[in-house]
Amino acid sequence: MVAWGLWIPVWMKASWFKRQGYKKADRDGLRVLLWKPFSEDALTPRWIRQKKTPELIPGSVTVTAFINGWCPAQNLVYERAKRAAASFTDKVLFREIDTFDRQVLLEWGIADALFIDMKQVSTGPPPSYEKIRRLIAKRVRRLR
């Protein structure tokens, strides 16, 4: 049985799972993968690691949203980013990468994320529409 938690003492604390008998299997930044093997031959699970970063498109700001639909918080981030990007008309290109498709997930190694140009935006807790719009505006000003 596998679960994931966060190393920091906020939401989905990995320490809670450890108290329930789970063992750390892998860690990626703040995310911790924990497991309880129920057979001797069980293979230790590992996180899927990021393999690619969205590329820059010369002459525009690229907002790339990775989404698979399972996380309500990331769904909010996606909608806010899409709306913010649309407010800049022709200067901003919005790209959606649907990681519900397992092949796409494995190609990128990213399940849910938001990038403005090649820089990943922290999405926990979900940034407001205003914050995302400000981050995009900052990049748009640099285009000039």
N, C-alpha and C. Protein backbone atom coordinates (compact mmCIF):
# COMPACT_ATOMS: atom_id res chain seq x y z
N MET A 1 0.86 -1.16 0.00
CA MET A 1 0.00 0.00 0.00
C MET A 1 0.91 1.23 0.00
N VAL A 2 0.58 2.20 -0.84
CA VAL A 2 1.42 3.39 -1.00
C VAL A 2 0.60 4.65 -0.73
N ALA A 3 1.22 5.63 -0.08
CA ALA A 3 0.60 6.93 0.16
C ALA A 3 1.67 7.99 -0.03
N TRP A 4 1.24 9.22 -0.18
CA TRP A 4 2.23 10.31 -0.23
C TRP A 4 1.84 11.36 0.79
N GLY A 5 2.86 12.04 1.28
CA GLY A 5 2.65 13.09 2.26
C GLY A 5 3.70 14.17 2.07
N LEU A 6 3.63 15.17 2.91
CA LEU A 6 4.58 16.28 2.86
C LEU A 6 5.51 16.20 4.06
N TRP A 7 6.75 16.57 3.84
CA TRP A 7 7.77 16.54 4.88
C TRP A 7 7.54 17.63 5.91
N ILE A 8 6.84 18.70 5.52
CA ILE A 8 6.60 19.83 6.42
C ILE A 8 5.30 19.59 7.21
N PRO A 9 5.19 20.18 8.40
CA PRO A 9 4.03 19.91 9.26
C PRO A 9 2.80 20.76 8.92
N VAL A 10 2.25 20.54 7.75
CA VAL A 10 1.03 21.26 7.38
C VAL A 10 -0.05 20.25 7.02
N TRP A 11 -0.33 20.11 5.79
CA TRP A 11 -1.38 19.23 5.28
C TRP A 11 -0.75 17.95 4.75
N MET A 12 -1.41 16.83 4.91
CA MET A 12 -0.91 15.53 4.42
C MET A 12 0.48 15.22 4.99
N LYS A 13 0.62 15.34 6.29
CA LYS A 13 1.92 15.17 6.93
C LYS A 13 2.43 13.73 6.78
N ALA A 14 3.65 13.60 6.27
CA ALA A 14 4.28 12.28 6.14
C ALA A 14 4.43 11.63 7.51
N SER A 15 4.64 12.44 8.53
CA SER A 15 4.83 11.90 9.88
C SER A 15 3.59 11.14 10.36
N TRP A 16 2.40 11.56 9.93
CA TRP A 16 1.18 10.84 10.31
C TRP A 16 1.22 9.42 9.75
N PHE A 17 1.61 9.30 8.49
CA PHE A 17 1.67 7.98 7.87
C PHE A 17 2.73 7.10 8.56
N LYS A 18 3.84 7.71 8.95
CA LYS A 18 4.89 6.95 9.65
C LYS A 18 4.35 6.40 10.97
N ARG A 19 3.56 7.20 11.67
CA ARG A 19 2.95 6.72 12.92
C ARG A 19 1.97 5.58 12.69
N GLN A 20 1.47 5.46 11.47
CA GLN A 20 0.54 4.38 11.13
C GLN A 20 1.27 3.14 10.61
N GLY A 21 2.61 3.18 10.65
CA GLY A 21 3.39 2.01 10.26
C GLY A 21 3.95 2.05 8.85
N TYR A 22 3.76 3.15 8.14
CA TYR A 22 4.33 3.28 6.80
C TYR A 22 5.82 3.60 6.91
N LYS A 23 6.58 3.19 5.89
CA LYS A 23 8.01 3.50 5.82
C LYS A 23 8.26 4.42 4.64
N LYS A 24 9.28 5.28 4.77
CA LYS A 24 9.64 6.17 3.66
C LYS A 24 10.21 5.33 2.53
N ALA A 25 9.66 5.52 1.34
CA ALA A 25 10.15 4.81 0.17
C ALA A 25 10.99 5.72 -0.72
N ASP A 26 10.59 7.00 -0.82
CA ASP A 26 11.28 7.93 -1.71
C ASP A 26 10.89 9.35 -1.29
N ARG A 27 11.72 10.29 -1.65
CA ARG A 27 11.45 11.70 -1.35
C ARG A 27 11.84 12.54 -2.55
N ASP A 28 11.00 13.55 -2.84
CA ASP A 28 11.26 14.49 -3.93
C ASP A 28 10.88 15.87 -3.42
N GLY A 29 11.87 16.62 -2.97
CA GLY A 29 11.60 17.92 -2.38
C GLY A 29 10.81 17.75 -1.09
N LEU A 30 9.64 18.37 -1.03
CA LEU A 30 8.79 18.27 0.15
C LEU A 30 7.91 17.03 0.14
N ARG A 31 7.77 16.42 -1.04
CA ARG A 31 6.89 15.25 -1.16
C ARG A 31 7.61 13.98 -0.71
N VAL A 32 6.89 13.18 0.08
CA VAL A 32 7.44 11.92 0.56
C VAL A 32 6.50 10.80 0.13
N LEU A 33 7.07 9.77 -0.46
CA LEU A 33 6.32 8.58 -0.83
C LEU A 33 6.53 7.56 0.28
N LEU A 34 5.42 7.07 0.85
CA LEU A 34 5.50 6.12 1.96
C LEU A 34 4.78 4.85 1.56
N TRP A 35 5.17 3.74 2.19
CA TRP A 35 4.52 2.47 1.83
C TRP A 35 4.52 1.49 2.97
N LYS A 36 3.61 0.52 2.82
CA LYS A 36 3.50 -0.61 3.74
C LYS A 36 3.50 -1.85 2.84
N PRO A 37 4.62 -2.54 2.77
CA PRO A 37 4.63 -3.76 1.95
C PRO A 37 3.89 -4.90 2.67
N PHE A 38 3.09 -5.64 1.93
CA PHE A 38 2.35 -6.74 2.52
C PHE A 38 2.85 -8.10 2.04
N SER A 39 3.97 -8.08 1.29
CA SER A 39 4.59 -9.34 0.90
C SER A 39 6.09 -9.13 0.81
N GLU A 40 6.84 -10.19 0.98
CA GLU A 40 8.31 -10.12 0.97
C GLU A 40 8.88 -9.67 -0.38
N ASP A 41 8.18 -9.98 -1.47
CA ASP A 41 8.71 -9.68 -2.80
C ASP A 41 8.20 -8.34 -3.37
N ALA A 42 7.54 -7.53 -2.54
CA ALA A 42 7.04 -6.23 -3.00
C ALA A 42 8.21 -5.33 -3.37
N LEU A 43 8.07 -4.61 -4.49
CA LEU A 43 9.10 -3.69 -4.95
C LEU A 43 8.86 -2.30 -4.36
N THR A 44 9.91 -1.69 -3.86
CA THR A 44 9.80 -0.36 -3.28
C THR A 44 9.39 0.64 -4.35
N PRO A 45 8.31 1.40 -4.12
CA PRO A 45 7.87 2.39 -5.13
C PRO A 45 8.80 3.59 -5.16
N ARG A 46 8.81 4.28 -6.29
CA ARG A 46 9.62 5.49 -6.49
C ARG A 46 8.77 6.55 -7.16
N TRP A 47 9.09 7.81 -6.88
CA TRP A 47 8.44 8.91 -7.59
C TRP A 47 8.85 8.89 -9.06
N ILE A 48 7.96 9.32 -9.92
CA ILE A 48 8.32 9.57 -11.32
C ILE A 48 9.01 10.93 -11.32
N ARG A 49 10.22 11.00 -11.83
CA ARG A 49 11.01 12.24 -11.80
C ARG A 49 10.79 13.08 -13.06
N GLN A 50 10.89 14.40 -12.89
CA GLN A 50 10.76 15.33 -14.01
C GLN A 50 11.84 15.06 -15.05
N LYS A 51 11.42 14.96 -16.31
CA LYS A 51 12.35 14.66 -17.39
C LYS A 51 12.57 15.85 -18.33
N LYS A 52 11.57 16.72 -18.43
CA LYS A 52 11.65 17.85 -19.35
C LYS A 52 11.12 19.10 -18.65
N THR A 53 11.48 20.25 -19.23
CA THR A 53 10.96 21.54 -18.79
C THR A 53 10.34 22.20 -20.01
N PRO A 54 9.22 22.90 -19.83
CA PRO A 54 8.64 23.59 -20.99
C PRO A 54 9.63 24.54 -21.63
N GLU A 55 9.62 24.60 -22.95
CA GLU A 55 10.58 25.45 -23.65
C GLU A 55 10.04 26.86 -23.83
N LEU A 56 10.96 27.79 -24.02
CA LEU A 56 10.60 29.18 -24.30
C LEU A 56 10.15 29.31 -25.74
N ILE A 57 9.19 30.17 -25.98
CA ILE A 57 8.76 30.51 -27.33
C ILE A 57 9.21 31.96 -27.55
N PRO A 58 10.18 32.19 -28.43
CA PRO A 58 10.69 33.55 -28.63
C PRO A 58 9.57 34.55 -28.98
N GLY A 59 9.63 35.73 -28.36
CA GLY A 59 8.68 36.78 -28.66
C GLY A 59 7.38 36.72 -27.88
N SER A 60 7.24 35.75 -27.00
CA SER A 60 6.02 35.67 -26.19
C SER A 60 6.35 35.08 -24.83
N VAL A 61 5.41 35.22 -23.93
CA VAL A 61 5.51 34.58 -22.62
C VAL A 61 4.71 33.29 -22.72
N THR A 62 5.29 32.20 -22.27
CA THR A 62 4.62 30.91 -22.34
C THR A 62 4.18 30.49 -20.94
N VAL A 63 2.88 30.30 -20.78
CA VAL A 63 2.31 29.80 -19.53
C VAL A 63 1.92 28.35 -19.80
N THR A 64 2.56 27.42 -19.09
CA THR A 64 2.32 26.00 -19.29
C THR A 64 1.71 25.41 -18.03
N ALA A 65 0.52 24.82 -18.19
CA ALA A 65 -0.18 24.21 -17.06
C ALA A 65 -0.25 22.71 -17.29
N PHE A 66 0.32 21.95 -16.37
CA PHE A 66 0.23 20.49 -16.37
C PHE A 66 -0.94 20.13 -15.48
N ILE A 67 -1.86 19.33 -16.00
CA ILE A 67 -3.06 19.02 -15.22
C ILE A 67 -3.56 17.62 -15.56
N ASN A 68 -4.01 16.91 -14.53
CA ASN A 68 -4.62 15.61 -14.79
C ASN A 68 -6.02 15.52 -14.20
N GLY A 69 -6.45 16.55 -13.48
CA GLY A 69 -7.82 16.61 -13.00
C GLY A 69 -8.08 16.03 -11.63
N TRP A 70 -7.14 15.30 -11.04
CA TRP A 70 -7.42 14.64 -9.76
C TRP A 70 -7.29 15.58 -8.57
N CYS A 71 -6.53 16.65 -8.68
CA CYS A 71 -6.27 17.52 -7.54
C CYS A 71 -7.11 18.81 -7.65
N PRO A 72 -8.08 18.99 -6.75
CA PRO A 72 -8.92 20.20 -6.81
C PRO A 72 -8.10 21.50 -6.74
N ALA A 73 -7.04 21.52 -5.94
CA ALA A 73 -6.22 22.72 -5.82
C ALA A 73 -5.53 23.03 -7.15
N GLN A 74 -5.00 22.01 -7.81
CA GLN A 74 -4.33 22.24 -9.09
C GLN A 74 -5.34 22.62 -10.18
N ASN A 75 -6.56 22.11 -10.07
CA ASN A 75 -7.60 22.51 -11.01
C ASN A 75 -7.87 24.01 -10.90
N LEU A 76 -7.86 24.54 -9.66
CA LEU A 76 -8.01 25.99 -9.45
C LEU A 76 -6.85 26.75 -10.08
N VAL A 77 -5.64 26.27 -9.86
CA VAL A 77 -4.45 26.92 -10.42
C VAL A 77 -4.56 26.97 -11.94
N TYR A 78 -4.95 25.85 -12.54
CA TYR A 78 -5.10 25.78 -13.99
C TYR A 78 -6.10 26.83 -14.50
N GLU A 79 -7.28 26.89 -13.89
CA GLU A 79 -8.31 27.83 -14.33
C GLU A 79 -7.84 29.28 -14.16
N ARG A 80 -7.19 29.58 -13.04
CA ARG A 80 -6.69 30.94 -12.80
C ARG A 80 -5.61 31.31 -13.80
N ALA A 81 -4.71 30.39 -14.08
CA ALA A 81 -3.62 30.65 -15.02
C ALA A 81 -4.16 30.85 -16.44
N LYS A 82 -5.11 30.05 -16.81
CA LYS A 82 -5.70 30.15 -18.16
C LYS A 82 -6.39 31.51 -18.32
N ARG A 83 -7.15 31.90 -17.31
CA ARG A 83 -7.85 33.20 -17.36
C ARG A 83 -6.85 34.36 -17.35
N ALA A 84 -5.82 34.27 -16.52
CA ALA A 84 -4.80 35.33 -16.46
C ALA A 84 -4.06 35.45 -17.79
N ALA A 85 -3.68 34.32 -18.37
CA ALA A 85 -2.96 34.34 -19.65
C ALA A 85 -3.83 34.96 -20.74
N ALA A 86 -5.11 34.66 -20.75
CA ALA A 86 -6.02 35.19 -21.78
C ALA A 86 -6.15 36.71 -21.69
N SER A 87 -5.92 37.28 -20.52
CA SER A 87 -6.07 38.73 -20.36
C SER A 87 -4.95 39.51 -21.06
N PHE A 88 -3.90 38.83 -21.52
CA PHE A 88 -2.79 39.50 -22.20
C PHE A 88 -2.85 39.36 -23.72
N THR A 89 -3.89 38.80 -24.23
CA THR A 89 -4.14 38.58 -25.67
C THR A 89 -2.96 37.95 -26.39
N ASP A 90 -2.36 38.68 -27.32
CA ASP A 90 -1.36 38.08 -28.22
C ASP A 90 0.05 37.95 -27.64
N LYS A 91 0.31 38.46 -26.45
CA LYS A 91 1.66 38.41 -25.89
C LYS A 91 1.94 37.13 -25.11
N VAL A 92 0.88 36.42 -24.75
CA VAL A 92 1.03 35.24 -23.89
C VAL A 92 0.42 34.02 -24.57
N LEU A 93 1.21 32.96 -24.60
CA LEU A 93 0.75 31.68 -25.14
C LEU A 93 0.45 30.75 -23.97
N PHE A 94 -0.78 30.23 -23.91
CA PHE A 94 -1.16 29.30 -22.85
C PHE A 94 -1.11 27.89 -23.41
N ARG A 95 -0.37 27.02 -22.72
CA ARG A 95 -0.28 25.61 -23.13
C ARG A 95 -0.81 24.73 -22.02
N GLU A 96 -1.70 23.82 -22.37
CA GLU A 96 -2.20 22.82 -21.42
C GLU A 96 -1.55 21.49 -21.77
N ILE A 97 -1.00 20.84 -20.76
CA ILE A 97 -0.44 19.50 -20.96
C ILE A 97 -1.23 18.55 -20.06
N ASP A 98 -2.00 17.67 -20.71
CA ASP A 98 -2.90 16.76 -20.02
C ASP A 98 -2.15 15.52 -19.57
N THR A 99 -1.84 15.46 -18.29
CA THR A 99 -1.08 14.33 -17.77
C THR A 99 -1.97 13.20 -17.28
N PHE A 100 -3.28 13.29 -17.56
CA PHE A 100 -4.16 12.15 -17.31
C PHE A 100 -3.75 11.00 -18.24
N ASP A 101 -3.20 11.37 -19.40
CA ASP A 101 -2.65 10.40 -20.35
C ASP A 101 -1.31 9.92 -19.78
N ARG A 102 -1.23 8.67 -19.41
CA ARG A 102 -0.03 8.14 -18.74
C ARG A 102 1.24 8.32 -19.59
N GLN A 103 1.13 8.19 -20.90
CA GLN A 103 2.31 8.37 -21.76
C GLN A 103 2.85 9.79 -21.65
N VAL A 104 1.93 10.76 -21.58
CA VAL A 104 2.33 12.16 -21.44
C VAL A 104 3.00 12.36 -20.07
N LEU A 105 2.40 11.79 -19.03
CA LEU A 105 2.99 11.87 -17.68
C LEU A 105 4.40 11.30 -17.68
N LEU A 106 4.59 10.15 -18.27
CA LEU A 106 5.92 9.53 -18.28
C LEU A 106 6.91 10.32 -19.15
N GLU A 107 6.43 10.92 -20.23
CA GLU A 107 7.30 11.73 -21.10
C GLU A 107 7.87 12.93 -20.35
N TRP A 108 7.02 13.62 -19.59
CA TRP A 108 7.43 14.82 -18.89
C TRP A 108 7.94 14.53 -17.47
N GLY A 109 7.33 13.57 -16.80
CA GLY A 109 7.66 13.32 -15.40
C GLY A 109 7.07 14.37 -14.48
N ILE A 110 6.00 15.01 -14.94
CA ILE A 110 5.32 16.06 -14.17
C ILE A 110 3.83 15.72 -14.17
N ALA A 111 3.23 15.63 -12.99
CA ALA A 111 1.79 15.33 -12.92
C ALA A 111 0.97 16.62 -12.95
N ASP A 112 1.23 17.52 -12.03
CA ASP A 112 0.53 18.80 -11.92
C ASP A 112 1.57 19.88 -11.66
N ALA A 113 1.52 20.96 -12.43
CA ALA A 113 2.45 22.06 -12.21
C ALA A 113 2.05 23.25 -13.06
N LEU A 114 2.62 24.39 -12.72
CA LEU A 114 2.44 25.60 -13.51
C LEU A 114 3.81 26.21 -13.75
N PHE A 115 4.10 26.52 -15.01
CA PHE A 115 5.34 27.18 -15.39
C PHE A 115 5.00 28.47 -16.12
N ILE A 116 5.74 29.52 -15.81
CA ILE A 116 5.68 30.75 -16.60
C ILE A 116 7.05 30.87 -17.22
N ASP A 117 7.07 30.78 -18.54
CA ASP A 117 8.28 30.55 -19.30
C ASP A 117 8.89 29.26 -18.74
N MET A 118 10.10 29.23 -18.34
CA MET A 118 10.70 27.97 -17.88
C MET A 118 10.75 27.89 -16.35
N LYS A 119 10.13 28.86 -15.68
CA LYS A 119 10.20 28.91 -14.22
C LYS A 119 8.93 28.33 -13.61
N GLN A 120 9.10 27.33 -12.71
CA GLN A 120 7.96 26.72 -12.06
C GLN A 120 7.42 27.64 -10.97
N VAL A 121 6.11 27.76 -10.91
CA VAL A 121 5.42 28.58 -9.92
C VAL A 121 4.97 27.66 -8.79
N SER A 122 5.22 28.06 -7.57
CA SER A 122 4.76 27.27 -6.42
C SER A 122 3.24 27.27 -6.40
N THR A 123 2.65 26.08 -6.34
CA THR A 123 1.19 25.98 -6.39
C THR A 123 0.58 25.43 -5.11
N GLY A 124 1.33 25.41 -4.04
CA GLY A 124 0.79 24.95 -2.77
C GLY A 124 1.11 25.94 -1.68
N PRO A 125 0.12 26.59 -1.13
CA PRO A 125 -1.29 26.62 -1.51
C PRO A 125 -1.48 27.32 -2.85
N PRO A 126 -2.63 27.10 -3.50
CA PRO A 126 -2.84 27.67 -4.83
C PRO A 126 -2.70 29.19 -4.85
N PRO A 127 -1.87 29.73 -5.75
CA PRO A 127 -1.75 31.19 -5.84
C PRO A 127 -3.05 31.79 -6.38
N SER A 128 -3.32 33.02 -5.96
CA SER A 128 -4.54 33.71 -6.41
C SER A 128 -4.41 34.06 -7.90
N TYR A 129 -5.54 34.37 -8.50
CA TYR A 129 -5.55 34.86 -9.88
C TYR A 129 -4.66 36.09 -10.00
N GLU A 130 -4.79 37.00 -9.03
CA GLU A 130 -4.01 38.25 -9.07
C GLU A 130 -2.51 37.97 -9.04
N LYS A 131 -2.09 37.03 -8.20
CA LYS A 131 -0.66 36.72 -8.13
C LYS A 131 -0.16 36.13 -9.45
N ILE A 132 -0.92 35.20 -10.01
CA ILE A 132 -0.52 34.60 -11.29
C ILE A 132 -0.45 35.68 -12.36
N ARG A 133 -1.44 36.57 -12.39
CA ARG A 133 -1.45 37.63 -13.39
C ARG A 133 -0.24 38.56 -13.21
N ARG A 134 0.11 38.88 -11.96
CA ARG A 134 1.30 39.72 -11.71
C ARG A 134 2.57 39.04 -12.21
N LEU A 135 2.70 37.73 -11.98
CA LEU A 135 3.89 37.00 -12.45
C LEU A 135 3.98 37.01 -13.97
N ILE A 136 2.84 36.85 -14.63
CA ILE A 136 2.82 36.90 -16.10
C ILE A 136 3.16 38.32 -16.57
N ALA A 137 2.57 39.33 -15.94
CA ALA A 137 2.81 40.72 -16.33
C ALA A 137 4.29 41.07 -16.22
N LYS A 138 4.95 40.58 -15.19
CA LYS A 138 6.38 40.83 -15.01
C LYS A 138 7.18 40.30 -16.19
N ARG A 139 6.82 39.10 -16.65
CA ARG A 139 7.51 38.51 -17.81
C ARG A 139 7.16 39.26 -19.10
N VAL A 140 5.92 39.71 -19.23
CA VAL A 140 5.51 40.45 -20.43
C VAL A 140 6.30 41.75 -20.52
N ARG A 141 6.49 42.45 -19.39
CA ARG A 141 7.28 43.69 -19.40
C ARG A 141 8.70 43.46 -19.90
N ARG A 142 9.24 42.29 -19.64
CA ARG A 142 10.62 41.97 -20.08
C ARG A 142 10.70 41.72 -21.59
N LEU A 143 9.57 41.51 -22.24
CA LEU A 143 9.57 41.27 -23.69
C LEU A 143 9.97 42.52 -24.45
N ARG A 144 9.67 43.66 -23.91
CA ARG A 144 9.89 44.94 -24.62
C ARG A 144 11.34 45.25 -24.80
